[in-house]
Amino acid sequence: LAGGIATNIIQDGVKTDITAPTIMQGNTTLTGYEKALH
């Protein structure tokens, strides 16, 4: 999915690279970001 997104948005001139996936299992809380979209 991330690779597909990167391929799709390059057509709009947005250059990105992606990291390897990290699996999260169990009670996980993420913080420390500026903005988040759901």
Full PDB file with SEQRES, HELIX, SHEET, SSBOND, CRYST1, ORIGX, SCALE, CONECT and MASTER records, all heavy atoms in Angstrom:
SEQRES   1 A   38  LEU ALA GLY GLY ILE ALA THR ASN ILE ILE GLN ASP GLY          
SEQRES   2 A   38  VAL LYS THR ASP ILE THR ALA PRO THR ILE MET GLN GLY          
SEQRES   3 A   38  ASN THR THR LEU THR GLY TYR GLU LYS ALA LEU HIS              
HELIX    1 AA1 ALA A    2  ILE A    9  1                                   8    
HELIX    2 AA2 ILE A   10  ASP A   12  5                                   3    
CRYST1    1.000    1.000    1.000  90.00  90.00  90.00 P 1           1          
ORIGX1      1.000000  0.000000  0.000000        0.00000                         
ORIGX2      0.000000  1.000000  0.000000        0.00000                         
ORIGX3      0.000000  0.000000  1.000000        0.00000                         
SCALE1      1.000000  0.000000  0.000000        0.00000                         
SCALE2      0.000000  1.000000  0.000000        0.00000                         
SCALE3      0.000000  0.000000  1.000000        0.00000                         
ATOM      1  N   LEU A   1       0.829  -1.206   0.000  1.00  0.00           N  
ATOM      2  CA  LEU A   1       0.000   0.000   0.000  1.00  0.00           C  
ATOM      3  C   LEU A   1       0.867   1.261   0.000  1.00  0.00           C  
ATOM      4  O   LEU A   1       0.638   2.174  -0.799  1.00  0.00           O  
ATOM      5  CB  LEU A   1      -0.937  -0.004   1.205  1.00  0.00           C  
ATOM      6  CG  LEU A   1      -1.930   1.146   1.273  1.00  0.00           C  
ATOM      7  CD1 LEU A   1      -2.829   1.181   0.044  1.00  0.00           C  
ATOM      8  CD2 LEU A   1      -2.780   1.051   2.524  1.00  0.00           C  
ATOM      9  N   ALA A   2       1.881   1.292   0.865  1.00  0.00           N  
ATOM     10  CA  ALA A   2       2.764   2.469   0.914  1.00  0.00           C  
ATOM     11  C   ALA A   2       3.507   2.653  -0.407  1.00  0.00           C  
ATOM     12  O   ALA A   2       3.652   3.778  -0.901  1.00  0.00           O  
ATOM     13  CB  ALA A   2       3.742   2.347   2.073  1.00  0.00           C  
ATOM     14  N   GLY A   3       3.972   1.553  -0.996  1.00  0.00           N  
ATOM     15  CA  GLY A   3       4.639   1.631  -2.306  1.00  0.00           C  
ATOM     16  C   GLY A   3       3.690   2.120  -3.381  1.00  0.00           C  
ATOM     17  O   GLY A   3       4.065   2.925  -4.239  1.00  0.00           O  
ATOM     18  N   GLY A   4       2.440   1.642  -3.340  1.00  0.00           N  
ATOM     19  CA  GLY A   4       1.426   2.107  -4.297  1.00  0.00           C  
ATOM     20  C   GLY A   4       1.130   3.584  -4.138  1.00  0.00           C  
ATOM     21  O   GLY A   4       0.987   4.316  -5.126  1.00  0.00           O  
ATOM     22  N   ILE A   5       1.057   4.037  -2.896  1.00  0.00           N  
ATOM     23  CA  ILE A   5       0.815   5.463  -2.642  1.00  0.00           C  
ATOM     24  C   ILE A   5       1.971   6.288  -3.193  1.00  0.00           C  
ATOM     25  O   ILE A   5       1.762   7.281  -3.895  1.00  0.00           O  
ATOM     26  CB  ILE A   5       0.625   5.721  -1.130  1.00  0.00           C  
ATOM     27  CG1 ILE A   5      -0.675   5.071  -0.641  1.00  0.00           C  
ATOM     28  CG2 ILE A   5       0.619   7.219  -0.840  1.00  0.00           C  
ATOM     29  CD1 ILE A   5      -0.798   5.010   0.876  1.00  0.00           C  
ATOM     30  N   ALA A   6       3.204   5.869  -2.894  1.00  0.00           N  
ATOM     31  CA  ALA A   6       4.376   6.606  -3.374  1.00  0.00           C  
ATOM     32  C   ALA A   6       4.393   6.680  -4.903  1.00  0.00           C  
ATOM     33  O   ALA A   6       4.712   7.720  -5.487  1.00  0.00           O  
ATOM     34  CB  ALA A   6       5.657   5.945  -2.852  1.00  0.00           C  
ATOM     35  N   THR A   7       4.020   5.582  -5.552  1.00  0.00           N  
ATOM     36  CA  THR A   7       3.960   5.554  -7.011  1.00  0.00           C  
ATOM     37  C   THR A   7       2.869   6.485  -7.532  1.00  0.00           C  
ATOM     38  O   THR A   7       3.079   7.201  -8.518  1.00  0.00           O  
ATOM     39  CB  THR A   7       3.692   4.112  -7.500  1.00  0.00           C  
ATOM     40  OG1 THR A   7       4.761   3.278  -7.054  1.00  0.00           O  
ATOM     41  CG2 THR A   7       3.592   4.048  -9.013  1.00  0.00           C  
ATOM     42  N   ASN A   8       1.714   6.501  -6.872  1.00  0.00           N  
ATOM     43  CA  ASN A   8       0.605   7.347  -7.316  1.00  0.00           C  
ATOM     44  C   ASN A   8       0.903   8.830  -7.138  1.00  0.00           C  
ATOM     45  O   ASN A   8       0.568   9.639  -8.003  1.00  0.00           O  
ATOM     46  CB  ASN A   8      -0.681   6.991  -6.572  1.00  0.00           C  
ATOM     47  CG  ASN A   8      -1.257   5.663  -7.013  1.00  0.00           C  
ATOM     48  OD1 ASN A   8      -1.132   5.271  -8.170  1.00  0.00           O  
ATOM     49  ND2 ASN A   8      -1.878   4.957  -6.090  1.00  0.00           N  
ATOM     50  N   ILE A   9       1.523   9.217  -6.025  1.00  0.00           N  
ATOM     51  CA  ILE A   9       1.692  10.651  -5.755  1.00  0.00           C  
ATOM     52  C   ILE A   9       2.870  11.264  -6.496  1.00  0.00           C  
ATOM     53  O   ILE A   9       2.924  12.484  -6.623  1.00  0.00           O  
ATOM     54  CB  ILE A   9       1.764  10.952  -4.240  1.00  0.00           C  
ATOM     55  CG1 ILE A   9       3.004  10.326  -3.608  1.00  0.00           C  
ATOM     56  CG2 ILE A   9       0.492  10.485  -3.549  1.00  0.00           C  
ATOM     57  CD1 ILE A   9       3.182  10.678  -2.140  1.00  0.00           C  
ATOM     58  N   ILE A  10       3.786  10.445  -6.996  1.00  0.00           N  
ATOM     59  CA  ILE A  10       4.886  11.009  -7.783  1.00  0.00           C  
ATOM     60  C   ILE A  10       4.333  11.689  -9.034  1.00  0.00           C  
ATOM     61  O   ILE A  10       4.912  12.648  -9.535  1.00  0.00           O  
ATOM     62  CB  ILE A  10       5.961   9.947  -8.133  1.00  0.00           C  
ATOM     63  CG1 ILE A  10       7.237  10.602  -8.656  1.00  0.00           C  
ATOM     64  CG2 ILE A  10       5.450   8.960  -9.154  1.00  0.00           C  
ATOM     65  CD1 ILE A  10       8.040  11.306  -7.614  1.00  0.00           C  
ATOM     66  N   GLN A  11       3.169  11.226  -9.494  1.00  0.00           N  
ATOM     67  CA  GLN A  11       2.522  11.849 -10.654  1.00  0.00           C  
ATOM     68  C   GLN A  11       2.090  13.288 -10.357  1.00  0.00           C  
ATOM     69  O   GLN A  11       1.942  14.092 -11.260  1.00  0.00           O  
ATOM     70  CB  GLN A  11       1.325  11.020 -11.099  1.00  0.00           C  
ATOM     71  CG  GLN A  11       1.721   9.640 -11.561  1.00  0.00           C  
ATOM     72  CD  GLN A  11       0.526   8.709 -11.737  1.00  0.00           C  
ATOM     73  OE1 GLN A  11      -0.622   9.112 -11.663  1.00  0.00           O  
ATOM     74  NE2 GLN A  11       0.805   7.439 -11.984  1.00  0.00           N  
ATOM     75  N   ASP A  12       1.892  13.600  -9.065  1.00  0.00           N  
ATOM     76  CA  ASP A  12       1.554  14.964  -8.653  1.00  0.00           C  
ATOM     77  C   ASP A  12       2.803  15.752  -8.271  1.00  0.00           C  
ATOM     78  O   ASP A  12       2.714  16.858  -7.737  1.00  0.00           O  
ATOM     79  CB  ASP A  12       0.593  14.939  -7.447  1.00  0.00           C  
ATOM     80  CG  ASP A  12      -0.768  14.371  -7.809  1.00  0.00           C  
ATOM     81  OD1 ASP A  12      -1.164  14.466  -8.993  1.00  0.00           O  
ATOM     82  OD2 ASP A  12      -1.441  13.842  -6.909  1.00  0.00           O  
ATOM     83  N   GLY A  13       3.966  15.159  -8.488  1.00  0.00           N  
ATOM     84  CA  GLY A  13       5.213  15.846  -8.177  1.00  0.00           C  
ATOM     85  C   GLY A  13       5.636  15.718  -6.721  1.00  0.00           C  
ATOM     86  O   GLY A  13       6.531  16.424  -6.273  1.00  0.00           O  
ATOM     87  N   VAL A  14       5.006  14.824  -5.964  1.00  0.00           N  
ATOM     88  CA  VAL A  14       5.345  14.631  -4.554  1.00  0.00           C  
ATOM     89  C   VAL A  14       6.304  13.446  -4.456  1.00  0.00           C  
ATOM     90  O   VAL A  14       5.944  12.323  -4.792  1.00  0.00           O  
ATOM     91  CB  VAL A  14       4.081  14.363  -3.698  1.00  0.00           C  
ATOM     92  CG1 VAL A  14       4.455  14.167  -2.239  1.00  0.00           C  
ATOM     93  CG2 VAL A  14       3.075  15.489  -3.855  1.00  0.00           C  
ATOM     94  N   LYS A  15       7.527  13.736  -4.010  1.00  0.00           N  
ATOM     95  CA  LYS A  15       8.542  12.686  -3.906  1.00  0.00           C  
ATOM     96  C   LYS A  15       8.594  12.174  -2.474  1.00  0.00           C  
ATOM     97  O   LYS A  15       8.702  12.955  -1.532  1.00  0.00           O  
ATOM     98  CB  LYS A  15       9.894  13.243  -4.317  1.00  0.00           C  
ATOM     99  CG  LYS A  15       9.943  13.663  -5.771  1.00  0.00           C  
ATOM    100  CD  LYS A  15      11.301  14.228  -6.133  1.00  0.00           C  
ATOM    101  CE  LYS A  15      11.266  14.759  -7.537  1.00  0.00           C  
ATOM    102  NZ  LYS A  15      11.312  16.206  -7.594  1.00  0.00           N  
ATOM    103  N   THR A  16       8.507  10.845  -2.332  1.00  0.00           N  
ATOM    104  CA  THR A  16       8.584  10.234  -1.011  1.00  0.00           C  
ATOM    105  C   THR A  16       9.401   8.959  -1.090  1.00  0.00           C  
ATOM    106  O   THR A  16       9.624   8.406  -2.158  1.00  0.00           O  
ATOM    107  CB  THR A  16       7.189   9.872  -0.454  1.00  0.00           C  
ATOM    108  OG1 THR A  16       6.554   8.965  -1.355  1.00  0.00           O  
ATOM    109  CG2 THR A  16       6.327  11.092  -0.253  1.00  0.00           C  
ATOM    110  N   ASP A  17       9.806   8.509   0.066  1.00  0.00           N  
ATOM    111  CA  ASP A  17      10.424   7.204   0.207  1.00  0.00           C  
ATOM    112  C   ASP A  17       9.783   6.579   1.438  1.00  0.00           C  
ATOM    113  O   ASP A  17       9.262   7.285   2.307  1.00  0.00           O  
ATOM    114  CB  ASP A  17      11.938   7.335   0.391  1.00  0.00           C  
ATOM    115  CG  ASP A  17      12.674   6.051   0.042  1.00  0.00           C  
ATOM    116  OD1 ASP A  17      12.026   5.083  -0.404  1.00  0.00           O  
ATOM    117  OD2 ASP A  17      13.903   6.011   0.229  1.00  0.00           O  
ATOM    118  N   ILE A  18       9.804   5.257   1.510  1.00  0.00           N  
ATOM    119  CA  ILE A  18       9.154   4.568   2.621  1.00  0.00           C  
ATOM    120  C   ILE A  18      10.134   3.661   3.335  1.00  0.00           C  
ATOM    121  O   ILE A  18      11.108   3.207   2.747  1.00  0.00           O  
ATOM    122  CB  ILE A  18       7.921   3.762   2.144  1.00  0.00           C  
ATOM    123  CG1 ILE A  18       8.311   2.708   1.104  1.00  0.00           C  
ATOM    124  CG2 ILE A  18       6.837   4.696   1.616  1.00  0.00           C  
ATOM    125  CD1 ILE A  18       7.184   1.765   0.692  1.00  0.00           C  
ATOM    126  N   THR A  19       9.859   3.419   4.611  1.00  0.00           N  
ATOM    127  CA  THR A  19      10.679   2.508   5.393  1.00  0.00           C  
ATOM    128  C   THR A  19      10.069   1.111   5.353  1.00  0.00           C  
ATOM    129  O   THR A  19       8.943   0.930   4.898  1.00  0.00           O  
ATOM    130  CB  THR A  19      10.766   2.956   6.863  1.00  0.00           C  
ATOM    131  OG1 THR A  19       9.467   2.850   7.462  1.00  0.00           O  
ATOM    132  CG2 THR A  19      11.277   4.393   6.976  1.00  0.00           C  
ATOM    133  N   ALA A  20      10.802   0.157   5.854  1.00  0.00           N  
ATOM    134  CA  ALA A  20      10.272  -1.202   5.993  1.00  0.00           C  
ATOM    135  C   ALA A  20       9.125  -1.176   7.009  1.00  0.00           C  
ATOM    136  O   ALA A  20       9.122  -0.355   7.925  1.00  0.00           O  
ATOM    137  CB  ALA A  20      11.378  -2.139   6.466  1.00  0.00           C  
ATOM    138  N   PRO A  21       8.159  -2.074   6.866  1.00  0.00           N  
ATOM    139  CA  PRO A  21       7.016  -2.074   7.781  1.00  0.00           C  
ATOM    140  C   PRO A  21       7.391  -2.572   9.180  1.00  0.00           C  
ATOM    141  O   PRO A  21       8.262  -3.422   9.341  1.00  0.00           O  
ATOM    142  CB  PRO A  21       6.033  -3.043   7.119  1.00  0.00           C  
ATOM    143  CG  PRO A  21       6.841  -3.892   6.211  1.00  0.00           C  
ATOM    144  CD  PRO A  21       8.033  -3.079   5.810  1.00  0.00           C  
ATOM    145  N   THR A  22       6.715  -1.999  10.180  1.00  0.00           N  
ATOM    146  CA  THR A  22       6.825  -2.424  11.568  1.00  0.00           C  
ATOM    147  C   THR A  22       5.454  -2.908  12.006  1.00  0.00           C  
ATOM    148  O   THR A  22       4.466  -2.177  11.873  1.00  0.00           O  
ATOM    149  CB  THR A  22       7.269  -1.251  12.470  1.00  0.00           C  
ATOM    150  OG1 THR A  22       8.545  -0.799  12.039  1.00  0.00           O  
ATOM    151  CG2 THR A  22       7.336  -1.670  13.929  1.00  0.00           C  
ATOM    152  N   ILE A  23       5.375  -4.134  12.512  1.00  0.00           N  
ATOM    153  CA  ILE A  23       4.108  -4.688  12.994  1.00  0.00           C  
ATOM    154  C   ILE A  23       3.928  -4.272  14.449  1.00  0.00           C  
ATOM    155  O   ILE A  23       4.858  -4.390  15.254  1.00  0.00           O  
ATOM    156  CB  ILE A  23       4.106  -6.237  12.912  1.00  0.00           C  
ATOM    157  CG1 ILE A  23       4.393  -6.703  11.494  1.00  0.00           C  
ATOM    158  CG2 ILE A  23       2.790  -6.810  13.419  1.00  0.00           C  
ATOM    159  CD1 ILE A  23       3.383  -6.294  10.475  1.00  0.00           C  
ATOM    160  N   MET A  24       2.738  -3.800  14.772  1.00  0.00           N  
ATOM    161  CA  MET A  24       2.406  -3.418  16.145  1.00  0.00           C  
ATOM    162  C   MET A  24       1.313  -4.351  16.647  1.00  0.00           C  
ATOM    163  O   MET A  24       0.255  -4.440  16.028  1.00  0.00           O  
ATOM    164  CB  MET A  24       1.949  -1.967  16.196  1.00  0.00           C  
ATOM    165  CG  MET A  24       3.019  -0.990  15.737  1.00  0.00           C  
ATOM    166  SD  MET A  24       2.448   0.709  15.664  1.00  0.00           S  
ATOM    167  CE  MET A  24       1.292   0.612  14.312  1.00  0.00           C  
ATOM    168  N   GLN A  25       1.593  -5.062  17.745  1.00  0.00           N  
ATOM    169  CA  GLN A  25       0.624  -5.978  18.332  1.00  0.00           C  
ATOM    170  C   GLN A  25       0.504  -5.673  19.816  1.00  0.00           C  
ATOM    171  O   GLN A  25       1.487  -5.369  20.471  1.00  0.00           O  
ATOM    172  CB  GLN A  25       1.069  -7.432  18.160  1.00  0.00           C  
ATOM    173  CG  GLN A  25       1.050  -7.894  16.728  1.00  0.00           C  
ATOM    174  CD  GLN A  25       1.530  -9.326  16.578  1.00  0.00           C  
ATOM    175  OE1 GLN A  25       2.664  -9.629  16.908  1.00  0.00           O  
ATOM    176  NE2 GLN A  25       0.665 -10.192  16.092  1.00  0.00           N  
ATOM    177  N   GLY A  26      -0.710  -5.775  20.334  1.00  0.00           N  
ATOM    178  CA  GLY A  26      -0.939  -5.493  21.744  1.00  0.00           C  
ATOM    179  C   GLY A  26      -1.328  -4.048  21.944  1.00  0.00           C  
ATOM    180  O   GLY A  26      -1.505  -3.286  20.990  1.00  0.00           O  
ATOM    181  N   ASN A  27      -1.469  -3.655  23.167  1.00  0.00           N  
ATOM    182  CA  ASN A  27      -1.919  -2.306  23.505  1.00  0.00           C  
ATOM    183  C   ASN A  27      -0.832  -1.294  23.148  1.00  0.00           C  
ATOM    184  O   ASN A  27       0.174  -1.187  23.838  1.00  0.00           O  
ATOM    185  CB  ASN A  27      -2.261  -2.249  24.992  1.00  0.00           C  
ATOM    186  CG  ASN A  27      -3.023  -1.003  25.350  1.00  0.00           C  
ATOM    187  OD1 ASN A  27      -3.623  -0.367  24.494  1.00  0.00           O  
ATOM    188  ND2 ASN A  27      -3.004  -0.648  26.620  1.00  0.00           N  
ATOM    189  N   THR A  28      -1.015  -0.575  22.047  1.00  0.00           N  
ATOM    190  CA  THR A  28      -0.015   0.358  21.531  1.00  0.00           C  
ATOM    191  C   THR A  28      -0.572   1.774  21.520  1.00  0.00           C  
ATOM    192  O   THR A  28      -1.699   1.999  21.097  1.00  0.00           O  
ATOM    193  CB  THR A  28       0.389  -0.029  20.086  1.00  0.00           C  
ATOM    194  OG1 THR A  28       0.821  -1.388  20.079  1.00  0.00           O  
ATOM    195  CG2 THR A  28       1.494   0.857  19.567  1.00  0.00           C  
ATOM    196  N   THR A  29       0.230   2.724  22.000  1.00  0.00           N  
ATOM    197  CA  THR A  29      -0.134   4.138  21.966  1.00  0.00           C  
ATOM    198  C   THR A  29       0.972   4.888  21.236  1.00  0.00           C  
ATOM    199  O   THR A  29       2.149   4.711  21.552  1.00  0.00           O  
ATOM    200  CB  THR A  29      -0.294   4.708  23.387  1.00  0.00           C  
ATOM    201  OG1 THR A  29      -1.314   3.975  24.068  1.00  0.00           O  
ATOM    202  CG2 THR A  29      -0.685   6.185  23.344  1.00  0.00           C  
ATOM    203  N   LEU A  30       0.587   5.696  20.260  1.00  0.00           N  
ATOM    204  CA  LEU A  30       1.545   6.514  19.521  1.00  0.00           C  
ATOM    205  C   LEU A  30       1.259   7.988  19.801  1.00  0.00           C  
ATOM    206  O   LEU A  30       0.102   8.425  19.769  1.00  0.00           O  
ATOM    207  CB  LEU A  30       1.428   6.254  18.019  1.00  0.00           C  
ATOM    208  CG  LEU A  30       1.756   4.834  17.576  1.00  0.00           C  
ATOM    209  CD1 LEU A  30       1.354   4.633  16.126  1.00  0.00           C  
ATOM    210  CD2 LEU A  30       3.217   4.543  17.751  1.00  0.00           C  
ATOM    211  N   THR A  31       2.317   8.754  20.057  1.00  0.00           N  
ATOM    212  CA  THR A  31       2.211  10.193  20.278  1.00  0.00           C  
ATOM    213  C   THR A  31       3.405  10.855  19.606  1.00  0.00           C  
ATOM    214  O   THR A  31       4.253  10.178  19.035  1.00  0.00           O  
ATOM    215  CB  THR A  31       2.228  10.529  21.791  1.00  0.00           C  
ATOM    216  OG1 THR A  31       3.461  10.057  22.346  1.00  0.00           O  
ATOM    217  CG2 THR A  31       1.059   9.907  22.528  1.00  0.00           C  
ATOM    218  N   GLY A  32       3.483  12.189  19.679  1.00  0.00           N  
ATOM    219  CA  GLY A  32       4.666  12.899  19.197  1.00  0.00           C  
ATOM    220  C   GLY A  32       4.602  13.348  17.757  1.00  0.00           C  
ATOM    221  O   GLY A  32       5.618  13.699  17.182  1.00  0.00           O  
ATOM    222  N   TYR A  33       3.434  13.351  17.171  1.00  0.00           N  
ATOM    223  CA  TYR A  33       3.303  13.829  15.796  1.00  0.00           C  
ATOM    224  C   TYR A  33       2.666  15.210  15.831  1.00  0.00           C  
ATOM    225  O   TYR A  33       2.030  15.608  16.794  1.00  0.00           O  
ATOM    226  CB  TYR A  33       2.459  12.859  14.959  1.00  0.00           C  
ATOM    227  CG  TYR A  33       1.219  12.350  15.661  1.00  0.00           C  
ATOM    228  CD1 TYR A  33       0.040  13.100  15.657  1.00  0.00           C  
ATOM    229  CD2 TYR A  33       1.222  11.139  16.342  1.00  0.00           C  
ATOM    230  CE1 TYR A  33      -1.090  12.648  16.317  1.00  0.00           C  
ATOM    231  CE2 TYR A  33       0.095  10.677  16.996  1.00  0.00           C  
ATOM    232  CZ  TYR A  33      -1.053  11.438  16.980  1.00  0.00           C  
ATOM    233  OH  TYR A  33      -2.170  10.989  17.631  1.00  0.00           O  
ATOM    234  N   GLU A  34       2.866  15.948  14.736  1.00  0.00           N  
ATOM    235  CA  GLU A  34       2.327  17.311  14.664  1.00  0.00           C  
ATOM    236  C   GLU A  34       0.828  17.306  14.363  1.00  0.00           C  
ATOM    237  O   GLU A  34       0.046  17.973  15.031  1.00  0.00           O  
ATOM    238  CB  GLU A  34       3.076  18.098  13.593  1.00  0.00           C  
ATOM    239  CG  GLU A  34       2.689  19.562  13.542  1.00  0.00           C  
ATOM    240  CD  GLU A  34       3.463  20.307  12.474  1.00  0.00           C  
ATOM    241  OE1 GLU A  34       4.680  20.091  12.348  1.00  0.00           O  
ATOM    242  OE2 GLU A  34       2.827  21.103  11.753  1.00  0.00           O  
ATOM    243  N   LYS A  35       0.440  16.576  13.338  1.00  0.00           N  
ATOM    244  CA  LYS A  35      -0.970  16.456  12.948  1.00  0.00           C  
ATOM    245  C   LYS A  35      -1.219  15.016  12.531  1.00  0.00           C  
ATOM    246  O   LYS A  35      -0.314  14.325  12.099  1.00  0.00           O  
ATOM    247  CB  LYS A  35      -1.303  17.360  11.762  1.00  0.00           C  
ATOM    248  CG  LYS A  35      -1.417  18.829  12.079  1.00  0.00           C  
ATOM    249  CD  LYS A  35      -2.024  19.546  10.900  1.00  0.00           C  
ATOM    250  CE  LYS A  35      -1.974  21.012  10.959  1.00  0.00           C  
ATOM    251  NZ  LYS A  35      -2.645  21.765  11.891  1.00  0.00           N  
ATOM    252  N   ALA A  36      -2.490  14.622  12.635  1.00  0.00           N  
ATOM    253  CA  ALA A  36      -2.825  13.257  12.227  1.00  0.00           C  
ATOM    254  C   ALA A  36      -4.187  13.234  11.551  1.00  0.00           C  
ATOM    255  O   ALA A  36      -5.133  13.887  12.012  1.00  0.00           O  
ATOM    256  CB  ALA A  36      -2.831  12.332  13.434  1.00  0.00           C  
ATOM    257  N   LEU A  37      -4.265  12.498  10.453  1.00  0.00           N  
ATOM    258  CA  LEU A  37      -5.528  12.290   9.753  1.00  0.00           C  
ATOM    259  C   LEU A  37      -5.934  10.837   9.911  1.00  0.00           C  
ATOM    260  O   LEU A  37      -5.096   9.933   9.822  1.00  0.00           O  
ATOM    261  CB  LEU A  37      -5.368  12.603   8.266  1.00  0.00           C  
ATOM    262  CG  LEU A  37      -5.155  14.058   7.905  1.00  0.00           C  
ATOM    263  CD1 LEU A  37      -4.814  14.186   6.430  1.00  0.00           C  
ATOM    264  CD2 LEU A  37      -6.386  14.865   8.219  1.00  0.00           C  
ATOM    265  N   HIS A  38      -7.216  10.630  10.128  1.00  0.00           N  
ATOM    266  CA  HIS A  38      -7.785   9.289  10.264  1.00  0.00           C  
ATOM    267  C   HIS A  38      -8.694   9.061   9.067  1.00  0.00           C  
ATOM    268  O   HIS A  38      -9.597   9.857   8.810  1.00  0.00           O  
ATOM    269  CB  HIS A  38      -8.568   9.204  11.579  1.00  0.00           C  
ATOM    270  CG  HIS A  38      -9.318   7.923  11.739  1.00  0.00           C  
ATOM    271  ND1 HIS A  38     -10.466   7.852  12.483  1.00  0.00           N  
ATOM    272  CD2 HIS A  38      -9.099   6.671  11.275  1.00  0.00           C  
ATOM    273  CE1 HIS A  38     -10.922   6.613  12.466  1.00  0.00           C  
ATOM    274  NE2 HIS A  38     -10.105   5.880  11.731  1.00  0.00           N  
TER     275      HIS A  38                                                      
MASTER        0    0    0    2    0    0    0    6  274    1    0    3          
END                                                                             
